[in-house]
N, C-alpha and C. Protein backbone atom coordinates (compact mmCIF):
# COMPACT_ATOMS: atom_id res chain seq x y z
N MET A 1 27.08 -30.13 -97.94
CA MET A 1 27.43 -31.43 -96.74
C MET A 1 25.89 -31.56 -96.30
N LEU A 2 26.00 -32.88 -96.42
CA LEU A 2 25.13 -34.05 -95.43
C LEU A 2 25.36 -33.28 -93.50
N LYS A 3 24.04 -32.53 -93.40
CA LYS A 3 23.88 -33.06 -91.88
C LYS A 3 24.26 -33.87 -91.21
N MET A 4 24.87 -34.33 -90.29
CA MET A 4 24.89 -34.84 -89.54
C MET A 4 24.27 -34.95 -87.75
N LYS A 5 22.81 -34.90 -88.06
CA LYS A 5 22.42 -34.99 -86.57
C LYS A 5 22.13 -35.96 -85.71
N ALA A 6 22.40 -35.61 -84.42
CA ALA A 6 22.98 -36.10 -83.45
C ALA A 6 21.93 -36.98 -82.97
N SER A 7 20.97 -36.63 -82.91
CA SER A 7 19.76 -38.32 -82.44
C SER A 7 18.56 -38.67 -82.96
N CYS A 8 17.85 -39.75 -82.90
CA CYS A 8 16.64 -39.88 -83.65
C CYS A 8 15.58 -39.12 -84.13
N GLU A 9 14.84 -38.58 -84.70
CA GLU A 9 13.95 -37.83 -84.34
C GLU A 9 12.44 -38.46 -83.89
N ARG A 10 12.77 -39.82 -83.82
CA ARG A 10 12.04 -40.24 -83.23
C ARG A 10 11.80 -41.05 -81.56
N CYS A 11 12.80 -41.00 -82.02
CA CYS A 11 12.88 -41.69 -79.97
C CYS A 11 13.56 -41.18 -79.30
N SER A 12 14.62 -39.82 -80.04
CA SER A 12 15.59 -39.07 -79.47
C SER A 12 16.81 -39.41 -79.41
N MET A 13 17.32 -41.10 -79.77
CA MET A 13 18.62 -41.59 -79.03
C MET A 13 18.90 -41.00 -79.74
N LYS A 14 20.61 -41.08 -79.01
CA LYS A 14 22.01 -39.93 -79.18
C LYS A 14 22.97 -40.59 -80.48
N LEU A 15 22.80 -40.19 -81.48
CA LEU A 15 23.37 -40.72 -82.61
C LEU A 15 24.58 -40.27 -83.34
N GLY A 16 25.73 -41.43 -82.76
CA GLY A 16 27.68 -40.42 -82.73
C GLY A 16 27.66 -40.03 -84.08
N LEU A 17 28.37 -39.94 -84.68
CA LEU A 17 28.95 -40.00 -86.43
C LEU A 17 29.49 -40.99 -86.95
N SER A 18 30.63 -41.73 -86.23
CA SER A 18 29.98 -43.47 -86.35
C SER A 18 28.88 -44.16 -86.28
N ASP A 19 27.86 -43.93 -85.88
CA ASP A 19 27.04 -44.44 -84.73
C ASP A 19 25.71 -45.17 -86.92
N GLN A 20 25.08 -46.97 -86.75
CA GLN A 20 24.88 -46.32 -87.75
C GLN A 20 23.42 -45.69 -87.58
N ALA A 21 23.15 -44.87 -88.49
CA ALA A 21 21.11 -44.38 -88.43
C ALA A 21 21.04 -44.57 -90.02
N PHE A 22 19.70 -44.04 -89.99
CA PHE A 22 19.02 -43.73 -91.33
C PHE A 22 18.88 -42.26 -91.95
N ILE A 23 18.51 -42.08 -93.13
CA ILE A 23 18.16 -41.03 -93.31
C ILE A 23 17.26 -41.13 -94.17
N CYS A 24 16.45 -39.55 -95.02
CA CYS A 24 15.64 -39.69 -95.77
C CYS A 24 16.82 -38.17 -96.81
N SER A 25 15.80 -38.33 -98.05
CA SER A 25 16.50 -37.25 -99.34
C SER A 25 16.49 -35.45 -98.38
N TYR A 26 16.08 -35.63 -96.71
CA TYR A 26 15.74 -34.14 -96.71
C TYR A 26 16.37 -34.31 -94.95
N GLU A 27 17.51 -35.51 -94.83
CA GLU A 27 18.43 -35.40 -93.80
C GLU A 27 17.59 -36.03 -92.51
N CYS A 28 16.21 -36.50 -92.67
CA CYS A 28 15.63 -37.07 -91.29
C CYS A 28 16.34 -37.96 -91.15
N THR A 29 16.43 -37.95 -89.70
CA THR A 29 17.41 -39.23 -88.97
C THR A 29 16.35 -40.05 -88.54
N PHE A 30 17.18 -41.24 -88.70
CA PHE A 30 16.41 -42.41 -87.74
C PHE A 30 17.38 -43.06 -87.40
N CYS A 31 17.14 -44.13 -85.78
CA CYS A 31 18.10 -44.63 -85.40
C CYS A 31 17.73 -46.23 -85.99
N PRO A 32 18.32 -47.45 -86.09
CA PRO A 32 18.36 -48.48 -86.57
C PRO A 32 16.71 -49.61 -85.95
N ASP A 33 16.04 -48.91 -84.79
CA ASP A 33 15.03 -49.52 -84.46
C ASP A 33 13.29 -48.93 -85.26
N CYS A 34 14.05 -47.40 -84.98
CA CYS A 34 12.75 -46.63 -85.48
C CYS A 34 12.72 -47.08 -87.08
N SER A 35 13.78 -46.81 -87.92
CA SER A 35 13.80 -47.48 -89.17
C SER A 35 13.16 -48.48 -89.62
N GLU A 36 13.32 -49.77 -88.71
CA GLU A 36 12.85 -51.14 -88.87
C GLU A 36 11.01 -51.10 -88.96
N THR A 37 10.85 -50.01 -87.68
CA THR A 37 9.30 -49.73 -87.11
C THR A 37 9.10 -49.08 -88.89
N LEU A 38 9.64 -47.96 -88.94
CA LEU A 38 8.93 -47.50 -90.32
C LEU A 38 8.58 -48.65 -90.89
N ARG A 39 9.68 -49.25 -91.17
CA ARG A 39 9.48 -49.94 -92.31
C ARG A 39 10.68 -49.46 -93.67
N HIS A 40 11.40 -48.14 -92.99
CA HIS A 40 12.46 -47.57 -93.91
C HIS A 40 12.08 -46.48 -94.56
N VAL A 41 10.37 -46.35 -94.49
CA VAL A 41 10.00 -45.23 -95.01
C VAL A 41 9.71 -43.40 -94.36
N CYS A 42 10.24 -42.63 -94.44
CA CYS A 42 10.17 -41.40 -93.37
C CYS A 42 8.28 -40.90 -93.52
N PRO A 43 8.57 -40.76 -91.97
CA PRO A 43 6.87 -40.57 -91.87
C PRO A 43 6.22 -38.78 -92.16
N ASN A 44 8.10 -38.01 -92.66
CA ASN A 44 7.83 -36.73 -92.64
C ASN A 44 7.66 -36.89 -94.01
N CYS A 45 8.48 -37.25 -95.30
CA CYS A 45 7.70 -37.23 -96.48
C CYS A 45 8.24 -37.90 -97.40
N GLN A 46 7.33 -39.53 -97.08
CA GLN A 46 7.28 -40.51 -97.22
C GLN A 46 8.56 -41.52 -98.31
N GLY A 47 9.85 -40.54 -97.86
CA GLY A 47 10.59 -41.05 -98.65
C GLY A 47 11.94 -42.54 -98.39
N ASN A 48 12.06 -43.08 -99.32
CA ASN A 48 13.16 -44.22 -98.64
C ASN A 48 14.47 -43.92 -97.49
N LEU A 49 14.00 -44.33 -96.52
CA LEU A 49 15.15 -44.28 -95.96
C LEU A 49 16.41 -45.31 -95.39
N VAL A 50 17.66 -44.10 -96.31
CA VAL A 50 18.80 -45.44 -96.45
C VAL A 50 19.92 -44.75 -95.41
N MET A 51 20.66 -46.26 -95.46
CA MET A 51 21.94 -45.60 -94.55
C MET A 51 22.04 -45.04 -94.46
N ARG A 52 23.00 -43.78 -93.63
CA ARG A 52 23.96 -42.04 -93.70
C ARG A 52 25.14 -42.82 -93.96
N PRO A 53 25.60 -42.26 -94.07
CA PRO A 53 26.93 -42.44 -94.49
C PRO A 53 27.87 -42.14 -92.80
N LEU A 54 29.17 -42.86 -92.81
CA LEU A 54 30.15 -43.29 -91.34
C LEU A 54 30.82 -41.80 -91.35
N ARG A 55 30.46 -41.16 -90.77
CA ARG A 55 31.88 -39.98 -90.55
C ARG A 55 33.12 -40.53 -89.18
N ARG A 56 33.96 -40.40 -89.36
CA ARG A 56 35.33 -40.29 -88.59
C ARG A 56 35.21 -39.83 -87.22
N THR A 57 35.73 -38.31 -88.50
CA THR A 57 35.76 -36.85 -87.02
C THR A 57 34.76 -35.68 -87.48
N SER A 58 34.88 -34.92 -87.07
CA SER A 58 34.09 -33.43 -87.22
C SER A 58 34.86 -32.72 -88.68
N PRO A 59 33.70 -32.19 -89.13
CA PRO A 59 34.34 -31.52 -90.23
C PRO A 59 34.86 -30.36 -89.92
N THR A 60 34.54 -30.47 -88.35
CA THR A 60 35.13 -28.92 -87.66
C THR A 60 36.63 -29.12 -87.26
N GLU A 61 37.05 -30.89 -86.86
CA GLU A 61 37.99 -30.90 -86.26
C GLU A 61 39.63 -29.98 -87.19
N VAL A 62 40.65 -29.76 -85.93
CA VAL A 62 41.88 -29.30 -86.78
C VAL A 62 42.56 -30.51 -86.80
N PRO A 63 43.09 -30.52 -88.24
CA PRO A 63 43.84 -31.20 -88.86
C PRO A 63 44.76 -31.59 -88.18
N ARG A 64 45.66 -32.53 -88.19
CA ARG A 64 46.82 -33.24 -87.31
C ARG A 64 48.05 -32.45 -87.76
N ALA A 65 48.85 -31.67 -87.08
CA ALA A 65 50.22 -30.98 -87.90
C ALA A 65 51.30 -31.88 -88.33
N ARG A 66 51.23 -32.87 -88.75
CA ARG A 66 51.70 -33.59 -89.71
C ARG A 66 51.31 -34.00 -90.82
N PHE A 67 50.04 -33.34 -90.94
CA PHE A 67 49.25 -33.43 -92.14
C PHE A 67 49.35 -32.45 -92.93
N LYS A 68 49.36 -30.61 -91.93
CA LYS A 68 50.28 -29.49 -92.26
C LYS A 68 51.33 -29.56 -93.17
N ALA A 69 52.35 -29.86 -91.95
CA ALA A 69 53.53 -30.49 -92.69
C ALA A 69 53.79 -31.38 -94.31
N LYS A 70 53.26 -32.20 -93.88
CA LYS A 70 53.35 -32.72 -95.46
C LYS A 70 52.74 -31.99 -96.31
N LEU A 71 51.37 -31.27 -96.27
CA LEU A 71 50.66 -30.67 -97.02
C LEU A 71 51.03 -29.28 -97.84
N GLU A 72 52.67 -29.00 -96.81
CA GLU A 72 53.59 -27.79 -96.70
C GLU A 72 54.24 -28.11 -97.47
N THR A 73 55.15 -29.57 -97.49
CA THR A 73 56.62 -30.14 -98.68
C THR A 73 55.73 -30.42 -99.33
N ILE A 74 54.23 -30.98 -99.93
CA ILE A 74 53.67 -31.50 -101.24
C ILE A 74 53.45 -29.64 -102.31
N LEU A 75 53.22 -29.14 -101.40
CA LEU A 75 53.42 -27.19 -102.38
C LEU A 75 54.26 -26.63 -101.90
N SER A 76 55.54 -26.74 -101.54
CA SER A 76 56.88 -26.21 -101.83
C SER A 76 57.14 -26.69 -103.06
């Protein structure tokens, strides 16, 4: 699973799950401004910085009750 880091590694700007951010293949994470300054090249590994996928919720959040009820109906 992709680790969604909560801040930019260069400027420490907070990055939420649905905020735009850029990552390399080692999951180094940078805000859009720092990524632009770095010309989309990771200073740690020299890899490309690409846009990080967005998440709406954390994988540790509990599913809503309706989801559980629907799943039980399907599996019964």
